[in-house]
Amino acid sequence: MKRIISLDFSLSPHLVAPQLIGCEFLVEGVGGLIVEVEAYDQSEPASHTFTGKSERNAAMFGPPGRAYVYRSYGIHWCLNFVCGAEGHGAGVLIRAIQPTQGIDIMRKRRALADDRLLCSGPGRVGQALAIVHAMNGHSLDRKPFQLLPASSPVDVVSGPRIGISKAVDLPWRFGLAGSRFLSKPFR
């Protein structure tokens, strides 16, 4: 049996984010390898916490090592791992996963057969893993979540975040080099 990964989620999100690449993340036994993430910090205007704590973003203020689940464009549930000092308002958005466990379940949830598209984007990750708002604030080291270490060292690439209009110059998007499961290739 694999052990649960022991990341220090109290570190800043741009330090935690690259360490998540290659880790296995499961929700009720369904999921795969994390291949793309983005870091967000209260100090920059693209973060949900930039203007302070609210009912919507309260989970992002800690404690670290918890899930922050929010609805994107009123349609998709998206998942962040809360990082940084408690009260700081920072996290890592899970952008893409390479499916490895429960692939048939994910295909059914997403109503498609192309494994590459099952979890290649934060909304797709949410749908394929059945992420719901009820998971907001839940600890990442307890059910329904399971976070396992990478089975071997991985080559991580970085670049600017995508799908945002503010603080686009920060190189806080991290991915598995050469992965065909990314939401968008790195330049």
Protein backbone atom coordinates (compact mmCIF):
# COMPACT_ATOMS: atom_id res chain seq x y z
CA MET A 1 0.00 0.00 0.00
CA LYS A 2 1.25 3.47 -0.85
CA ARG A 3 1.79 6.01 1.89
CA ILE A 4 0.10 9.39 1.96
CA ILE A 5 2.39 12.15 0.78
CA SER A 6 3.70 14.53 3.42
CA LEU A 7 3.96 17.86 1.67
CA ASP A 8 4.36 20.96 3.78
CA PHE A 9 1.24 22.84 2.72
CA SER A 10 2.21 25.71 5.03
CA LEU A 11 4.80 26.75 2.42
CA SER A 12 3.94 29.32 -0.23
CA PRO A 13 1.87 27.99 -3.15
CA HIS A 14 4.61 28.60 -5.73
CA LEU A 15 6.86 26.23 -3.72
CA VAL A 16 4.19 23.57 -3.14
CA ALA A 17 2.84 23.60 -6.71
CA PRO A 18 5.84 22.00 -8.50
CA GLN A 19 6.05 19.34 -5.77
CA LEU A 20 2.52 18.20 -6.65
CA ILE A 21 3.46 17.30 -10.23
CA GLY A 22 3.58 13.51 -10.56
CA CYS A 23 1.70 12.89 -7.31
CA GLU A 24 -1.36 10.69 -7.49
CA PHE A 25 -4.63 12.30 -6.41
CA LEU A 26 -7.78 10.27 -5.92
CA VAL A 27 -11.32 11.10 -4.84
CA GLU A 28 -13.13 7.97 -3.63
CA GLY A 29 -10.54 5.92 -5.54
CA VAL A 30 -11.00 7.79 -8.84
CA GLY A 31 -8.25 10.01 -10.28
CA GLY A 32 -4.68 9.88 -11.45
CA LEU A 33 -1.38 11.71 -11.69
CA ILE A 34 -1.35 15.47 -11.23
CA VAL A 35 0.23 16.84 -14.41
CA GLU A 36 -0.63 20.56 -14.29
CA VAL A 37 -1.24 23.10 -11.53
CA GLU A 38 -1.22 26.86 -10.96
CA ALA A 39 -0.23 28.75 -7.82
CA TYR A 40 -2.28 31.69 -6.49
CA ASP A 41 -1.38 34.06 -3.67
CA GLN A 42 -3.34 36.83 -1.95
CA SER A 43 -0.66 39.34 -2.99
CA GLU A 44 -1.58 39.16 -6.69
CA PRO A 45 -4.81 40.30 -8.38
CA ALA A 46 -5.67 37.00 -10.14
CA SER A 47 -6.23 35.29 -6.77
CA HIS A 48 -9.74 34.86 -5.39
CA THR A 49 -8.34 36.18 -2.09
CA PHE A 50 -6.80 39.40 -3.44
CA THR A 51 -9.62 41.59 -2.05
CA GLY A 52 -9.77 39.76 1.28
CA LYS A 53 -11.75 37.06 2.98
CA SER A 54 -15.36 36.43 1.97
CA GLU A 55 -17.93 33.68 2.42
CA ARG A 56 -16.98 32.26 -1.00
CA ASN A 57 -13.20 32.12 -0.47
CA ALA A 58 -13.00 31.51 3.32
CA ALA A 59 -11.51 28.01 2.90
CA MET A 60 -8.50 29.54 1.08
CA PHE A 61 -7.50 31.27 4.32
CA GLY A 62 -6.73 27.97 5.96
CA PRO A 63 -5.77 25.92 7.58
CA PRO A 64 -3.35 24.71 4.89
CA GLY A 65 -3.74 21.21 3.49
CA ARG A 66 -7.46 21.63 2.85
CA ALA A 67 -9.60 21.80 -0.27
CA TYR A 68 -10.95 25.06 -1.64
CA VAL A 69 -13.81 24.25 -4.02
CA TYR A 70 -15.49 26.97 -6.06
CA ARG A 71 -17.77 27.20 -9.06
CA SER A 72 -16.22 28.59 -12.23
CA TYR A 73 -18.43 30.55 -14.63
CA GLY A 74 -21.43 29.23 -12.70
CA ILE A 75 -20.94 25.82 -14.30
CA HIS A 76 -17.92 23.79 -13.14
CA TRP A 77 -16.63 22.95 -9.67
CA CYS A 78 -12.87 23.56 -9.46
CA LEU A 79 -10.41 22.35 -6.84
CA ASN A 80 -7.51 24.13 -5.12
CA PHE A 81 -5.19 22.83 -2.42
CA VAL A 82 -4.88 25.50 0.30
CA CYS A 83 -1.26 26.49 0.99
CA GLY A 84 0.70 29.04 2.96
CA ALA A 85 0.36 30.30 6.50
CA GLU A 86 -3.12 30.11 7.96
CA GLY A 87 -4.94 33.36 7.28
CA HIS A 88 -2.82 34.23 4.24
CA GLY A 89 -5.22 33.19 1.46
CA ALA A 90 -3.21 31.10 -0.99
CA GLY A 91 -3.55 27.86 -2.89
CA VAL A 92 -2.77 25.66 -5.86
CA LEU A 93 -5.37 25.09 -8.58
CA ILE A 94 -5.43 21.55 -9.93
CA ARG A 95 -5.54 22.15 -13.71
CA ALA A 96 -5.01 18.67 -15.17
CA ILE A 97 -4.70 15.03 -14.19
CA GLN A 98 -3.57 12.01 -16.19
CA PRO A 99 -6.32 9.44 -15.51
CA THR A 100 -5.08 6.18 -13.99
CA GLN A 101 -7.79 4.95 -11.59
CA GLY A 102 -11.52 4.66 -12.25
CA ILE A 103 -11.22 5.62 -15.90
CA ASP A 104 -14.57 4.04 -16.84
CA ILE A 105 -16.25 6.05 -14.06
CA MET A 106 -14.65 9.25 -15.36
CA ARG A 107 -15.73 8.44 -18.93
CA LYS A 108 -19.30 8.04 -17.74
CA ARG A 109 -19.24 11.27 -15.71
CA ARG A 110 -17.77 13.23 -18.61
CA ALA A 111 -19.77 11.41 -21.32
CA LEU A 112 -16.73 10.92 -23.53
CA ALA A 113 -14.21 8.24 -24.35
CA ASP A 114 -11.02 10.24 -25.08
CA ASP A 115 -8.86 9.68 -21.98
CA ARG A 116 -6.74 12.73 -22.85
CA LEU A 117 -9.75 15.02 -22.45
CA LEU A 118 -11.17 13.50 -19.25
CA CYS A 119 -9.21 15.74 -16.87
CA SER A 120 -7.43 18.30 -19.08
CA GLY A 121 -8.67 21.50 -17.47
CA PRO A 122 -9.86 22.49 -14.00
CA GLY A 123 -13.58 22.16 -14.81
CA ARG A 124 -12.99 18.77 -16.40
CA VAL A 125 -11.05 17.62 -13.33
CA GLY A 126 -13.98 18.66 -11.15
CA GLN A 127 -16.52 16.81 -13.26
CA ALA A 128 -14.42 13.65 -13.76
CA LEU A 129 -13.61 13.37 -10.04
CA ALA A 130 -17.13 14.36 -8.93
CA ILE A 131 -15.85 17.40 -7.00
CA VAL A 132 -18.71 19.20 -5.24
CA HIS A 133 -18.97 22.22 -2.98
CA ALA A 134 -19.61 19.96 0.02
CA MET A 135 -15.87 19.06 -0.17
CA ASN A 136 -14.89 22.70 0.41
CA GLY A 137 -12.70 22.95 3.51
CA HIS A 138 -12.13 19.19 3.82
CA SER A 139 -8.67 17.99 4.77
CA LEU A 140 -6.64 16.56 1.89
CA ASP A 141 -5.31 13.75 4.08
CA ARG A 142 -8.76 12.28 4.82
CA LYS A 143 -11.52 10.61 2.83
CA PRO A 144 -12.77 11.19 0.22
CA PHE A 145 -9.30 12.40 -0.79
CA GLN A 146 -6.08 10.47 -1.15
CA LEU A 147 -2.81 12.15 -2.14
CA LEU A 148 0.12 9.85 -2.85
CA PRO A 149 3.77 10.60 -3.68
CA ALA A 150 5.17 10.42 -7.18
CA SER A 151 6.47 6.94 -7.91
CA SER A 152 9.67 8.41 -9.40
CA PRO A 153 11.27 11.82 -9.97
CA VAL A 154 9.57 13.90 -12.66
CA ASP A 155 10.65 16.70 -15.00
CA VAL A 156 8.63 19.82 -14.15
CA VAL A 157 8.25 22.76 -16.52
CA SER A 158 6.87 26.20 -15.64
CA GLY A 159 5.42 29.18 -17.39
CA PRO A 160 2.74 31.88 -17.14
CA ARG A 161 -0.71 30.96 -15.88
CA ILE A 162 -3.51 30.69 -18.42
CA GLY A 163 -7.19 31.59 -18.52
CA ILE A 164 -6.73 34.75 -16.47
CA SER A 165 -6.45 38.44 -17.34
CA LYS A 166 -4.49 39.75 -14.33
CA ALA A 167 -0.93 38.97 -13.19
CA VAL A 168 -0.46 36.91 -16.35
CA ASP A 169 3.31 37.41 -16.29
CA LEU A 170 3.90 35.34 -13.14
CA PRO A 171 5.47 31.96 -14.05
CA TRP A 172 3.29 30.08 -11.57
CA ARG A 173 1.90 27.40 -13.87
CA PHE A 174 3.69 24.08 -13.48
CA GLY A 175 3.38 20.89 -15.49
CA LEU A 176 4.80 17.51 -16.26
CA ALA A 177 7.23 17.93 -19.16
CA GLY A 178 5.95 16.24 -22.31
CA SER A 179 2.59 15.19 -20.86
CA ARG A 180 -0.19 14.81 -23.42
CA PHE A 181 -2.76 15.32 -20.63
CA LEU A 182 -2.09 19.05 -20.05
CA SER A 183 -4.95 21.50 -20.52
CA LYS A 184 -2.72 23.48 -22.88
CA PRO A 185 0.92 22.88 -23.92
CA PHE A 186 3.70 24.97 -22.38
CA ARG A 187 5.57 27.29 -24.75
